[in-house]
Amino acid sequence: MVALAAALAFGVAGCVPPDEPGTESPSGGGNAVQQLGQLTVATAGSMKGYSRDHFPHWRNTGKNCDVRDTILQRDGKDVKLSGCNVVGGRWESVYDGRSAADPSDVDIDHMVPLANAWRSGADEWDDQKRGDFANDTTRPQLLAVSASSNRAKGDQDPSQWKPANREYWCKYAESWVTVKHHWRLTVTSAEKTALTDMLEGCTVGNAS
C-alpha cells in the first residue's frame, strides 16, 4: 500500500493534467450511507497467499510515466515536471496536515489497502483485476499523503485507524465506502460500525 484528496475519473494514457478530485463523493454522505447499507458484512478473510505482487502497480501511463506520477501531479501544487515525471512541487497531506516539497517524501496511499482488499474478497480475483484495483484512478482509491500517515495506517480499516485530521473523516469514510461498493468488497461488522459513525458526522459543509 502506498499514498491527499480523493481520486476522480480521468485518463491515465498520458500526462494530461487530471480533473480536480472530490466530485465522486456526494456532500452530506447520503449516497455513501446508502452504499454502505448494500455492502456484505463478513468476517475478514485469511492472508494466506497474499503478496503485493498480486496487485501489480504502478502502471505505465505512457511517455515513461506511471500512475504514481499522475496522482502526484493531481494532488500537488506548483508541480514541476521533467517530461512526464514529477520532480518537485508542494503537497499537503489531508491525513495529518504535513507538507512536503520533495515527491520522494510523499506516499501514494491506497484508500482501501491492498491487504484489506485481499481479506475482503480480492483473494478470489485474478492479477489483472487486482492490478485494476491497485491502479484505480476513477474511484477515490489513490491519494498523495505523508509517508508517516500512510505507514501508520498500514492495512487497517476505519475501526482500527482514522486520519489524525478529524475534519477529513467524512470524506475518508465516503471514499472508503465508494471504493468497497464499486469493487464489491466486504466489510467487517466493526468496520461498518466505524464507517456509520464517521458518516453521521457528515454535513454539506464538511463533506467536501
N, C-alpha and C. Protein backbone atom coordinates (compact mmCIF):
# COMPACT_ATOMS: atom_id res chain seq x y z
N MET A 1 0.83 -1.19 0.00
CA MET A 1 0.00 0.00 0.00
C MET A 1 0.86 1.24 0.00
N VAL A 2 0.80 1.96 -0.88
CA VAL A 2 1.50 3.20 -0.82
C VAL A 2 0.58 4.34 -1.13
N ALA A 3 0.47 6.30 -0.70
CA ALA A 3 -0.27 7.48 -0.87
C ALA A 3 -0.42 8.80 -0.60
N LEU A 4 -3.62 12.90 -1.15
CA LEU A 4 -4.22 13.93 -0.50
C LEU A 4 -5.51 14.03 -1.21
N ALA A 5 -6.33 14.31 -1.45
CA ALA A 5 -7.69 14.46 -1.89
C ALA A 5 -8.14 13.19 -2.59
N ALA A 6 -9.43 12.93 -2.60
CA ALA A 6 -9.94 11.69 -3.13
C ALA A 6 -9.81 11.66 -4.63
N ALA A 7 -9.53 10.47 -5.20
CA ALA A 7 -9.29 10.36 -6.63
C ALA A 7 -10.56 10.46 -7.43
N LEU A 8 -10.42 10.91 -8.67
CA LEU A 8 -11.56 11.20 -9.52
C LEU A 8 -11.30 10.62 -10.89
N ALA A 9 -12.32 10.55 -11.69
CA ALA A 9 -12.15 9.97 -13.02
C ALA A 9 -11.28 10.86 -13.90
N PHE A 10 -10.28 10.24 -14.52
CA PHE A 10 -9.51 10.93 -15.53
C PHE A 10 -8.69 9.90 -16.27
N GLY A 11 -8.20 10.25 -17.46
CA GLY A 11 -7.43 9.32 -18.25
C GLY A 11 -6.02 9.23 -17.74
N VAL A 12 -5.42 8.05 -17.89
CA VAL A 12 -4.03 7.87 -17.49
C VAL A 12 -3.19 7.46 -18.69
N ALA A 13 -3.67 7.72 -19.87
CA ALA A 13 -2.96 7.30 -21.07
C ALA A 13 -1.91 8.31 -21.48
N GLY A 14 -1.57 9.24 -20.64
CA GLY A 14 -0.56 10.22 -20.95
C GLY A 14 -0.32 11.08 -19.75
N CYS A 15 0.06 12.33 -19.97
CA CYS A 15 0.33 13.22 -18.86
C CYS A 15 -0.57 14.43 -18.90
N VAL A 16 -1.78 14.26 -19.39
CA VAL A 16 -2.75 15.34 -19.38
C VAL A 16 -3.15 15.61 -17.95
N PRO A 17 -3.11 16.85 -17.47
CA PRO A 17 -3.49 17.13 -16.08
C PRO A 17 -4.88 16.61 -15.79
N PRO A 18 -5.04 15.83 -14.74
CA PRO A 18 -6.34 15.24 -14.42
C PRO A 18 -7.30 16.25 -13.83
N ASP A 19 -8.56 15.84 -13.77
CA ASP A 19 -9.58 16.68 -13.19
C ASP A 19 -9.34 16.85 -11.70
N GLU A 20 -9.97 17.85 -11.12
CA GLU A 20 -9.89 18.05 -9.68
C GLU A 20 -10.55 16.90 -8.95
N PRO A 21 -9.94 16.40 -7.88
CA PRO A 21 -10.53 15.29 -7.13
C PRO A 21 -11.70 15.75 -6.29
N GLY A 22 -12.50 14.78 -5.89
CA GLY A 22 -13.51 15.06 -4.88
C GLY A 22 -14.94 15.10 -5.36
N THR A 23 -15.19 15.02 -6.68
CA THR A 23 -16.57 15.17 -7.13
C THR A 23 -17.36 13.88 -7.04
N GLU A 24 -16.66 12.75 -6.85
CA GLU A 24 -17.38 11.49 -6.82
C GLU A 24 -18.20 11.32 -5.55
N SER A 25 -17.71 11.82 -4.43
CA SER A 25 -18.42 11.66 -3.17
C SER A 25 -19.45 12.77 -3.00
N PRO A 26 -20.71 12.45 -2.80
CA PRO A 26 -21.73 13.48 -2.64
C PRO A 26 -21.61 14.15 -1.29
N SER A 27 -21.90 15.45 -1.24
CA SER A 27 -21.84 16.14 0.04
C SER A 27 -22.92 15.63 0.97
N GLY A 28 -22.58 15.57 2.24
CA GLY A 28 -23.52 15.11 3.24
C GLY A 28 -23.46 13.63 3.52
N GLY A 29 -22.77 12.85 2.67
CA GLY A 29 -22.59 11.43 2.93
C GLY A 29 -23.82 10.58 2.68
N GLY A 30 -24.90 11.16 2.14
CA GLY A 30 -26.13 10.40 1.97
C GLY A 30 -25.99 9.19 1.07
N ASN A 31 -25.35 9.37 -0.09
CA ASN A 31 -25.19 8.26 -1.00
C ASN A 31 -24.26 7.21 -0.41
N ALA A 32 -23.24 7.64 0.32
CA ALA A 32 -22.33 6.70 0.96
C ALA A 32 -23.05 5.86 2.00
N VAL A 33 -23.98 6.46 2.73
CA VAL A 33 -24.76 5.71 3.72
C VAL A 33 -25.57 4.63 3.01
N GLN A 34 -26.16 4.98 1.88
CA GLN A 34 -26.94 4.01 1.11
C GLN A 34 -26.03 2.89 0.61
N GLN A 35 -24.87 3.26 0.08
CA GLN A 35 -23.94 2.25 -0.43
C GLN A 35 -23.42 1.36 0.69
N LEU A 36 -23.16 1.95 1.85
CA LEU A 36 -22.68 1.17 2.99
C LEU A 36 -23.70 0.10 3.36
N GLY A 37 -24.97 0.46 3.30
CA GLY A 37 -26.02 -0.50 3.62
C GLY A 37 -26.10 -1.65 2.64
N GLN A 38 -25.52 -1.47 1.46
CA GLN A 38 -25.55 -2.51 0.44
C GLN A 38 -24.34 -3.44 0.49
N LEU A 39 -23.35 -3.08 1.30
CA LEU A 39 -22.15 -3.91 1.39
C LEU A 39 -22.42 -5.16 2.22
N THR A 40 -21.80 -6.26 1.81
CA THR A 40 -21.92 -7.51 2.55
C THR A 40 -21.03 -7.47 3.78
N VAL A 41 -21.61 -7.79 4.93
CA VAL A 41 -20.84 -7.86 6.17
C VAL A 41 -20.33 -9.29 6.34
N ALA A 42 -19.04 -9.43 6.54
CA ALA A 42 -18.44 -10.76 6.65
C ALA A 42 -17.19 -10.67 7.52
N THR A 43 -16.82 -11.79 8.09
CA THR A 43 -15.57 -11.88 8.84
C THR A 43 -14.41 -11.70 7.88
N ALA A 44 -13.38 -10.99 8.31
CA ALA A 44 -12.21 -10.79 7.46
C ALA A 44 -11.60 -12.12 7.08
N GLY A 45 -11.23 -12.23 5.82
CA GLY A 45 -10.65 -13.47 5.33
C GLY A 45 -9.21 -13.65 5.75
N SER A 46 -8.62 -14.73 5.27
CA SER A 46 -7.25 -15.08 5.61
C SER A 46 -6.26 -14.30 4.74
N MET A 47 -5.05 -14.15 5.23
CA MET A 47 -3.97 -13.56 4.45
C MET A 47 -3.20 -14.62 3.66
N LYS A 48 -3.66 -15.85 3.73
CA LYS A 48 -2.97 -16.94 3.04
C LYS A 48 -2.83 -16.62 1.55
N GLY A 49 -1.62 -16.72 1.05
CA GLY A 49 -1.36 -16.49 -0.36
C GLY A 49 -1.16 -15.04 -0.74
N TYR A 50 -1.30 -14.12 0.23
CA TYR A 50 -1.20 -12.69 -0.10
C TYR A 50 0.22 -12.29 -0.45
N SER A 51 0.33 -11.45 -1.45
CA SER A 51 1.57 -10.78 -1.80
C SER A 51 1.22 -9.51 -2.55
N ARG A 52 1.96 -8.46 -2.29
CA ARG A 52 1.73 -7.22 -3.04
C ARG A 52 1.96 -7.43 -4.53
N ASP A 53 2.75 -8.45 -4.87
CA ASP A 53 2.99 -8.74 -6.28
C ASP A 53 1.71 -9.16 -7.01
N HIS A 54 0.70 -9.59 -6.26
CA HIS A 54 -0.58 -9.95 -6.87
C HIS A 54 -1.40 -8.71 -7.23
N PHE A 55 -0.91 -7.52 -6.84
CA PHE A 55 -1.58 -6.26 -7.15
C PHE A 55 -0.58 -5.37 -7.91
N PRO A 56 -0.22 -5.73 -9.14
CA PRO A 56 0.84 -5.00 -9.84
C PRO A 56 0.55 -3.51 -9.99
N HIS A 57 1.47 -2.70 -9.54
CA HIS A 57 1.38 -1.25 -9.63
C HIS A 57 2.82 -0.72 -9.53
N TRP A 58 3.17 0.43 -10.01
CA TRP A 58 2.29 1.40 -10.65
C TRP A 58 2.35 1.21 -12.17
N ARG A 59 1.19 1.24 -12.81
CA ARG A 59 1.14 1.01 -14.24
C ARG A 59 1.74 2.17 -15.03
N ASN A 60 2.37 1.79 -16.15
CA ASN A 60 2.90 2.79 -17.07
C ASN A 60 1.74 3.50 -17.74
N THR A 61 1.81 4.82 -17.80
CA THR A 61 0.74 5.60 -18.43
C THR A 61 1.21 6.24 -19.73
N GLY A 62 2.39 5.87 -20.20
CA GLY A 62 2.91 6.41 -21.44
C GLY A 62 3.99 7.44 -21.18
N LYS A 63 4.90 7.58 -22.15
CA LYS A 63 5.96 8.59 -22.09
C LYS A 63 6.81 8.43 -20.83
N ASN A 64 7.05 7.20 -20.44
CA ASN A 64 7.90 6.89 -19.29
C ASN A 64 7.33 7.42 -17.97
N CYS A 65 6.01 7.54 -17.89
CA CYS A 65 5.34 7.96 -16.66
C CYS A 65 4.48 6.83 -16.14
N ASP A 66 4.08 6.93 -14.87
CA ASP A 66 3.23 5.90 -14.30
C ASP A 66 2.12 6.54 -13.46
N VAL A 67 1.30 5.68 -12.88
CA VAL A 67 0.15 6.16 -12.11
C VAL A 67 0.59 7.00 -10.92
N ARG A 68 1.72 6.66 -10.33
CA ARG A 68 2.21 7.48 -9.21
C ARG A 68 2.43 8.93 -9.65
N ASP A 69 3.04 9.12 -10.82
CA ASP A 69 3.23 10.48 -11.34
C ASP A 69 1.89 11.18 -11.53
N THR A 70 0.90 10.43 -12.02
CA THR A 70 -0.42 11.00 -12.25
C THR A 70 -1.02 11.54 -10.96
N ILE A 71 -0.92 10.76 -9.88
CA ILE A 71 -1.51 11.19 -8.61
C ILE A 71 -0.71 12.33 -7.99
N LEU A 72 0.61 12.27 -8.08
CA LEU A 72 1.43 13.37 -7.57
C LEU A 72 1.10 14.67 -8.29
N GLN A 73 0.90 14.59 -9.60
CA GLN A 73 0.56 15.79 -10.37
C GLN A 73 -0.82 16.30 -10.00
N ARG A 74 -1.76 15.39 -9.82
CA ARG A 74 -3.12 15.79 -9.48
C ARG A 74 -3.22 16.43 -8.10
N ASP A 75 -2.53 15.85 -7.13
CA ASP A 75 -2.70 16.27 -5.74
C ASP A 75 -1.73 17.37 -5.31
N GLY A 76 -0.74 17.67 -6.14
CA GLY A 76 0.24 18.67 -5.77
C GLY A 76 -0.10 20.06 -6.27
N LYS A 77 0.66 21.03 -5.80
CA LYS A 77 0.55 22.41 -6.26
C LYS A 77 1.93 22.85 -6.75
N ASP A 78 1.93 23.71 -7.75
CA ASP A 78 3.18 24.19 -8.33
C ASP A 78 4.08 23.02 -8.71
N VAL A 79 3.46 22.01 -9.31
CA VAL A 79 4.18 20.78 -9.65
C VAL A 79 5.18 21.04 -10.78
N LYS A 80 6.39 20.54 -10.60
CA LYS A 80 7.43 20.67 -11.60
C LYS A 80 7.65 19.31 -12.26
N LEU A 81 7.73 19.32 -13.58
CA LEU A 81 7.86 18.09 -14.34
C LEU A 81 9.17 18.04 -15.11
N SER A 82 9.67 16.84 -15.27
CA SER A 82 10.75 16.57 -16.21
C SER A 82 10.16 15.59 -17.20
N GLY A 83 9.72 16.13 -18.34
CA GLY A 83 8.92 15.30 -19.23
C GLY A 83 7.58 15.08 -18.56
N CYS A 84 7.31 13.84 -18.24
CA CYS A 84 6.07 13.50 -17.53
C CYS A 84 6.33 13.18 -16.07
N ASN A 85 7.57 13.09 -15.68
CA ASN A 85 7.89 12.69 -14.31
C ASN A 85 7.84 13.88 -13.37
N VAL A 86 7.22 13.69 -12.22
CA VAL A 86 7.12 14.74 -11.21
C VAL A 86 8.44 14.82 -10.45
N VAL A 87 9.05 16.01 -10.45
CA VAL A 87 10.35 16.19 -9.79
C VAL A 87 10.30 17.23 -8.67
N GLY A 88 9.19 17.92 -8.53
CA GLY A 88 9.07 18.92 -7.48
C GLY A 88 7.66 19.43 -7.37
N GLY A 89 7.41 20.21 -6.32
CA GLY A 89 6.07 20.75 -6.11
C GLY A 89 5.81 20.91 -4.62
N ARG A 90 4.55 21.06 -4.27
CA ARG A 90 4.15 21.16 -2.87
C ARG A 90 2.96 20.24 -2.63
N TRP A 91 3.03 19.47 -1.56
CA TRP A 91 1.95 18.55 -1.21
C TRP A 91 1.61 18.72 0.27
N GLU A 92 0.33 18.77 0.56
CA GLU A 92 -0.12 18.82 1.95
C GLU A 92 -1.01 17.61 2.20
N SER A 93 -0.64 16.81 3.16
CA SER A 93 -1.36 15.57 3.45
C SER A 93 -2.65 15.85 4.19
N VAL A 94 -3.77 15.46 3.60
CA VAL A 94 -5.06 15.67 4.27
C VAL A 94 -5.22 14.78 5.49
N TYR A 95 -4.39 13.76 5.62
CA TYR A 95 -4.48 12.88 6.77
C TYR A 95 -3.97 13.56 8.05
N ASP A 96 -2.91 14.35 7.92
CA ASP A 96 -2.28 14.91 9.12
C ASP A 96 -1.76 16.34 8.95
N GLY A 97 -1.98 16.94 7.78
CA GLY A 97 -1.57 18.32 7.56
C GLY A 97 -0.09 18.52 7.28
N ARG A 98 0.67 17.45 7.19
CA ARG A 98 2.10 17.58 6.94
C ARG A 98 2.35 17.99 5.49
N SER A 99 3.38 18.82 5.30
CA SER A 99 3.71 19.31 3.97
C SER A 99 5.01 18.70 3.48
N ALA A 100 5.15 18.62 2.16
CA ALA A 100 6.37 18.10 1.55
C ALA A 100 6.62 18.86 0.26
N ALA A 101 7.89 19.04 -0.06
CA ALA A 101 8.27 19.68 -1.31
C ALA A 101 9.01 18.72 -2.24
N ASP A 102 9.39 17.59 -1.70
CA ASP A 102 10.11 16.57 -2.47
C ASP A 102 9.16 15.40 -2.70
N PRO A 103 8.89 15.04 -3.97
CA PRO A 103 7.96 13.93 -4.22
C PRO A 103 8.39 12.61 -3.60
N SER A 104 9.69 12.46 -3.34
CA SER A 104 10.14 11.21 -2.72
C SER A 104 9.71 11.11 -1.26
N ASP A 105 9.26 12.23 -0.69
CA ASP A 105 8.77 12.23 0.70
C ASP A 105 7.26 12.00 0.77
N VAL A 106 6.65 11.78 -0.38
CA VAL A 106 5.20 11.61 -0.46
C VAL A 106 4.88 10.16 -0.80
N ASP A 107 3.94 9.57 -0.08
CA ASP A 107 3.45 8.23 -0.40
C ASP A 107 2.13 8.34 -1.14
N ILE A 108 1.87 7.37 -2.00
CA ILE A 108 0.55 7.25 -2.61
C ILE A 108 -0.19 6.16 -1.85
N ASP A 109 -1.20 6.58 -1.11
CA ASP A 109 -1.97 5.66 -0.29
C ASP A 109 -3.07 5.00 -1.10
N HIS A 110 -3.24 3.71 -0.91
CA HIS A 110 -4.44 3.03 -1.39
C HIS A 110 -5.51 3.21 -0.31
N MET A 111 -6.56 3.95 -0.63
CA MET A 111 -7.62 4.21 0.35
C MET A 111 -8.02 2.90 1.03
N VAL A 112 -8.44 1.92 0.25
CA VAL A 112 -8.65 0.57 0.77
C VAL A 112 -7.34 -0.17 0.53
N PRO A 113 -6.58 -0.47 1.58
CA PRO A 113 -5.28 -1.09 1.42
C PRO A 113 -5.36 -2.43 0.68
N LEU A 114 -4.28 -2.77 0.00
CA LEU A 114 -4.26 -3.99 -0.79
C LEU A 114 -4.52 -5.22 0.08
N ALA A 115 -3.90 -5.28 1.25
CA ALA A 115 -4.09 -6.43 2.13
C ALA A 115 -5.52 -6.50 2.65
N ASN A 116 -6.12 -5.33 2.92
CA ASN A 116 -7.51 -5.31 3.35
C ASN A 116 -8.42 -5.81 2.24
N ALA A 117 -8.13 -5.39 1.01
CA ALA A 117 -8.92 -5.86 -0.12
C ALA A 117 -8.80 -7.38 -0.28
N TRP A 118 -7.59 -7.89 -0.06
CA TRP A 118 -7.37 -9.34 -0.15
C TRP A 118 -8.27 -10.07 0.84
N ARG A 119 -8.35 -9.56 2.06
CA ARG A 119 -9.17 -10.19 3.09
C ARG A 119 -10.66 -9.96 2.87
N SER A 120 -10.99 -9.04 1.95
CA SER A 120 -12.39 -8.66 1.72
C SER A 120 -12.95 -9.21 0.42
N GLY A 121 -12.19 -10.08 -0.25
CA GLY A 121 -12.69 -10.70 -1.47
C GLY A 121 -11.75 -10.67 -2.65
N ALA A 122 -10.72 -9.82 -2.62
CA ALA A 122 -9.81 -9.72 -3.76
C ALA A 122 -8.93 -10.96 -3.91
N ASP A 123 -8.89 -11.80 -2.88
CA ASP A 123 -8.14 -13.05 -3.00
C ASP A 123 -8.72 -13.95 -4.07
N GLU A 124 -9.98 -13.71 -4.45
CA GLU A 124 -10.64 -14.53 -5.46
C GLU A 124 -10.50 -13.95 -6.87
N TRP A 125 -9.89 -12.77 -6.98
CA TRP A 125 -9.70 -12.15 -8.28
C TRP A 125 -8.43 -12.68 -8.96
N ASP A 126 -8.32 -12.42 -10.27
CA ASP A 126 -7.05 -12.69 -10.94
C ASP A 126 -6.17 -11.44 -10.83
N ASP A 127 -4.90 -11.58 -11.21
CA ASP A 127 -3.97 -10.47 -11.04
C ASP A 127 -4.31 -9.27 -11.92
N GLN A 128 -4.95 -9.51 -13.05
CA GLN A 128 -5.36 -8.39 -13.90
C GLN A 128 -6.36 -7.50 -13.16
N LYS A 129 -7.36 -8.11 -12.54
CA LYS A 129 -8.36 -7.34 -11.82
C LYS A 129 -7.74 -6.68 -10.59
N ARG A 130 -6.85 -7.40 -9.91
CA ARG A 130 -6.19 -6.80 -8.75
C ARG A 130 -5.33 -5.61 -9.17
N GLY A 131 -4.72 -5.70 -10.36
CA GLY A 131 -3.96 -4.57 -10.87
C GLY A 131 -4.86 -3.39 -11.19
N ASP A 132 -6.04 -3.67 -11.73
CA ASP A 132 -7.01 -2.60 -12.00
C ASP A 132 -7.38 -1.89 -10.70
N PHE A 133 -7.56 -2.67 -9.65
CA PHE A 133 -7.89 -2.11 -8.34
C PHE A 133 -6.74 -1.27 -7.79
N ALA A 134 -5.54 -1.79 -7.89
CA ALA A 134 -4.37 -1.11 -7.32
C ALA A 134 -4.01 0.17 -8.06
N ASN A 135 -4.49 0.31 -9.30
CA ASN A 135 -4.19 1.49 -10.11
C ASN A 135 -5.44 2.29 -10.44
N ASP A 136 -6.48 2.13 -9.64
CA ASP A 136 -7.79 2.74 -9.92
C ASP A 136 -7.74 4.26 -9.71
N THR A 137 -7.75 4.98 -10.80
CA THR A 137 -7.77 6.44 -10.73
C THR A 137 -9.17 7.01 -10.94
N THR A 138 -10.14 6.16 -11.11
CA THR A 138 -11.51 6.60 -11.34
C THR A 138 -12.27 6.75 -10.03
N ARG A 139 -12.09 5.82 -9.12
CA ARG A 139 -12.65 5.94 -7.78
C ARG A 139 -11.64 6.69 -6.89
N PRO A 140 -12.09 7.13 -5.70
CA PRO A 140 -11.17 7.82 -4.77
C PRO A 140 -10.28 6.83 -4.02
N GLN A 141 -9.52 6.04 -4.77
CA GLN A 141 -8.72 4.97 -4.20
C GLN A 141 -7.27 5.37 -3.98
N LEU A 142 -6.78 6.37 -4.70
CA LEU A 142 -5.38 6.75 -4.62
C LEU A 142 -5.23 8.19 -4.15
N LEU A 143 -4.33 8.39 -3.21
CA LEU A 143 -4.23 9.68 -2.53
C LEU A 143 -2.78 9.95 -2.14
N ALA A 144 -2.28 11.14 -2.46
CA ALA A 144 -0.92 11.52 -2.07
C ALA A 144 -0.94 12.03 -0.63
N VAL A 145 -0.24 11.34 0.26
CA VAL A 145 -0.25 11.69 1.68
C VAL A 145 1.16 11.60 2.25
N SER A 146 1.31 12.02 3.49
CA SER A 146 2.61 11.91 4.15
C SER A 146 2.99 10.45 4.34
N ALA A 147 4.28 10.18 4.22
CA ALA A 147 4.76 8.81 4.40
C ALA A 147 4.44 8.30 5.80
N SER A 148 4.54 9.18 6.80
CA SER A 148 4.30 8.73 8.17
C SER A 148 2.86 8.31 8.39
N SER A 149 1.91 9.05 7.82
CA SER A 149 0.50 8.69 8.00
C SER A 149 0.16 7.42 7.23
N ASN A 150 0.73 7.27 6.06
CA ASN A 150 0.47 6.07 5.26
C ASN A 150 0.98 4.83 5.98
N ARG A 151 2.13 4.95 6.58
CA ARG A 151 2.71 3.79 7.24
C ARG A 151 2.05 3.51 8.59
N ALA A 152 1.55 4.56 9.23
CA ALA A 152 0.78 4.35 10.46
C ALA A 152 -0.53 3.63 10.15
N LYS A 153 -1.13 3.96 9.03
CA LYS A 153 -2.38 3.32 8.62
C LYS A 153 -2.17 1.85 8.30
N GLY A 154 -1.10 1.55 7.56
CA GLY A 154 -0.85 0.17 7.18
C GLY A 154 -2.01 -0.42 6.41
N ASP A 155 -2.46 -1.61 6.84
CA ASP A 155 -3.59 -2.25 6.16
C ASP A 155 -4.85 -2.21 7.02
N GLN A 156 -4.91 -1.25 7.95
CA GLN A 156 -6.02 -1.20 8.89
C GLN A 156 -7.27 -0.57 8.29
N ASP A 157 -8.42 -1.03 8.75
CA ASP A 157 -9.69 -0.46 8.31
C ASP A 157 -10.08 0.67 9.27
N PRO A 158 -11.17 1.41 8.99
CA PRO A 158 -11.53 2.56 9.82
C PRO A 158 -11.90 2.25 11.27
N SER A 159 -12.14 0.99 11.60
CA SER A 159 -12.36 0.66 13.00
C SER A 159 -11.04 0.59 13.77
N GLN A 160 -9.94 0.53 13.02
CA GLN A 160 -8.62 0.39 13.63
C GLN A 160 -7.74 1.63 13.48
N TRP A 161 -8.02 2.41 12.45
CA TRP A 161 -7.21 3.61 12.19
C TRP A 161 -8.05 4.65 11.49
N LYS A 162 -7.90 5.91 11.91
CA LYS A 162 -8.55 7.04 11.25
C LYS A 162 -7.51 8.15 11.11
N PRO A 163 -7.65 9.02 10.12
CA PRO A 163 -6.71 10.12 9.97
C PRO A 163 -6.67 11.00 11.21
N ALA A 164 -5.50 11.54 11.53
CA ALA A 164 -5.38 12.46 12.66
C ALA A 164 -6.24 13.70 12.44
N ASN A 165 -6.41 14.08 11.19
CA ASN A 165 -7.23 15.23 10.83
C ASN A 165 -8.71 14.83 10.86
N ARG A 166 -9.40 15.13 11.95
CA ARG A 166 -10.80 14.73 12.10
C ARG A 166 -11.71 15.37 11.06
N GLU A 167 -11.31 16.54 10.55
CA GLU A 167 -12.13 17.20 9.54
C GLU A 167 -12.19 16.40 8.25
N TYR A 168 -11.28 15.46 8.09
CA TYR A 168 -11.27 14.63 6.88
C TYR A 168 -12.02 13.31 7.06
N TRP A 169 -12.52 13.06 8.24
CA TRP A 169 -13.17 11.77 8.50
C TRP A 169 -14.36 11.52 7.58
N CYS A 170 -15.16 12.55 7.34
CA CYS A 170 -16.33 12.37 6.48
C CYS A 170 -15.90 11.94 5.09
N LYS A 171 -14.99 12.69 4.48
CA LYS A 171 -14.51 12.37 3.14
C LYS A 171 -13.83 11.01 3.12
N TYR A 172 -13.10 10.70 4.18
CA TYR A 172 -12.41 9.41 4.26
C TYR A 172 -13.42 8.27 4.23
N ALA A 173 -14.46 8.38 5.04
CA ALA A 173 -15.48 7.34 5.08
C ALA A 173 -16.21 7.23 3.75
N GLU A 174 -16.56 8.37 3.16
CA GLU A 174 -17.23 8.35 1.86
C GLU A 174 -16.36 7.65 0.81
N SER A 175 -15.08 7.99 0.80
CA SER A 175 -14.17 7.41 -0.18
C SER A 175 -14.01 5.91 0.02
N TRP A 176 -13.86 5.51 1.27
CA TRP A 176 -13.70 4.08 1.60
C TRP A 176 -14.92 3.29 1.11
N VAL A 177 -16.09 3.81 1.41
CA VAL A 177 -17.33 3.12 1.01
C VAL A 177 -17.47 3.09 -0.51
N THR A 178 -17.16 4.20 -1.17
CA THR A 178 -17.25 4.26 -2.63
C THR A 178 -16.39 3.18 -3.27
N VAL A 179 -15.17 3.03 -2.79
CA VAL A 179 -14.26 2.03 -3.34
C VAL A 179 -14.76 0.62 -3.07
N LYS A 180 -15.13 0.34 -1.83
CA LYS A 180 -15.59 -1.01 -1.50
C LYS A 180 -16.88 -1.36 -2.25
N HIS A 181 -17.75 -0.39 -2.41
CA HIS A 181 -19.01 -0.64 -3.11
C HIS A 181 -18.75 -0.95 -4.58
N HIS A 182 -17.92 -0.16 -5.23
CA HIS A 182 -17.64 -0.40 -6.65
C HIS A 182 -17.00 -1.76 -6.87
N TRP A 183 -16.05 -2.11 -6.03
CA TRP A 183 -15.31 -3.35 -6.22
C TRP A 183 -15.96 -4.55 -5.53
N ARG A 184 -17.12 -4.32 -4.94
CA ARG A 184 -17.90 -5.40 -4.31
C ARG A 184 -17.08 -6.15 -3.26
N LEU A 185 -16.41 -5.38 -2.43
CA LEU A 185 -15.64 -5.94 -1.33
C LEU A 185 -16.49 -5.94 -0.06
N THR A 186 -16.22 -6.85 0.83
CA THR A 186 -16.99 -6.97 2.06
C THR A 186 -16.44 -6.03 3.13
N VAL A 187 -17.21 -5.85 4.19
CA VAL A 187 -16.78 -5.10 5.37
C VAL A 187 -17.03 -5.98 6.59
N THR A 188 -16.22 -5.78 7.62
CA THR A 188 -16.49 -6.46 8.88
C THR A 188 -17.54 -5.67 9.65
N SER A 189 -18.08 -6.29 10.68
CA SER A 189 -19.09 -5.61 11.50
C SER A 189 -18.50 -4.36 12.16
N ALA A 190 -17.28 -4.49 12.70
CA ALA A 190 -16.63 -3.35 13.36
C ALA A 190 -16.33 -2.24 12.35
N GLU A 191 -15.92 -2.63 11.18
CA GLU A 191 -15.63 -1.67 10.11
C GLU A 191 -16.89 -0.90 9.72
N LYS A 192 -18.00 -1.61 9.58
CA LYS A 192 -19.26 -0.96 9.21
C LYS A 192 -19.71 0.01 10.30
N THR A 193 -19.57 -0.40 11.55
CA THR A 193 -19.95 0.48 12.66
C THR A 193 -19.12 1.76 12.65
N ALA A 194 -17.81 1.62 12.44
CA ALA A 194 -16.93 2.80 12.41
C ALA A 194 -17.30 3.72 11.26
N LEU A 195 -17.58 3.15 10.10
CA LEU A 195 -17.95 3.95 8.93
C LEU A 195 -19.29 4.66 9.16
N THR A 196 -20.23 3.96 9.78
CA THR A 196 -21.53 4.56 10.09
C THR A 196 -21.35 5.77 10.99
N ASP A 197 -20.53 5.62 12.02
CA ASP A 197 -20.28 6.73 12.95
C ASP A 197 -19.62 7.90 12.23
N MET A 198 -18.67 7.61 11.36
CA MET A 198 -17.98 8.68 10.63
C MET A 198 -18.92 9.40 9.68
N LEU A 199 -19.79 8.65 9.02
CA LEU A 199 -20.72 9.26 8.07
C LEU A 199 -21.79 10.07 8.78
N GLU A 200 -22.11 9.73 10.02
CA GLU A 200 -23.09 10.51 10.77
C GLU A 200 -22.57 11.92 11.04
N GLY A 201 -21.27 12.09 10.98
CA GLY A 201 -20.70 13.41 11.19
C GLY A 201 -20.63 14.25 9.93
N CYS A 202 -21.09 13.70 8.81
CA CYS A 202 -21.03 14.43 7.55
C CYS A 202 -22.12 15.49 7.49
N THR A 203 -21.75 16.65 7.00
CA THR A 203 -22.71 17.70 6.70
C THR A 203 -22.34 18.27 5.35
N VAL A 204 -23.22 19.04 4.78
CA VAL A 204 -22.91 19.67 3.49
C VAL A 204 -21.64 20.49 3.60
N GLY A 205 -21.42 21.06 4.78
CA GLY A 205 -20.26 21.93 4.95
C GLY A 205 -18.94 21.20 5.06
N ASN A 206 -18.93 19.97 5.64
CA ASN A 206 -17.64 19.32 5.84
C ASN A 206 -17.43 18.13 4.93
N ALA A 207 -18.35 17.85 4.02
CA ALA A 207 -18.21 16.68 3.18
C ALA A 207 -17.34 16.93 1.97
N SER A 208 -16.92 18.15 1.73
CA SER A 208 -16.12 18.43 0.55
C SER A 208 -14.64 18.31 0.86
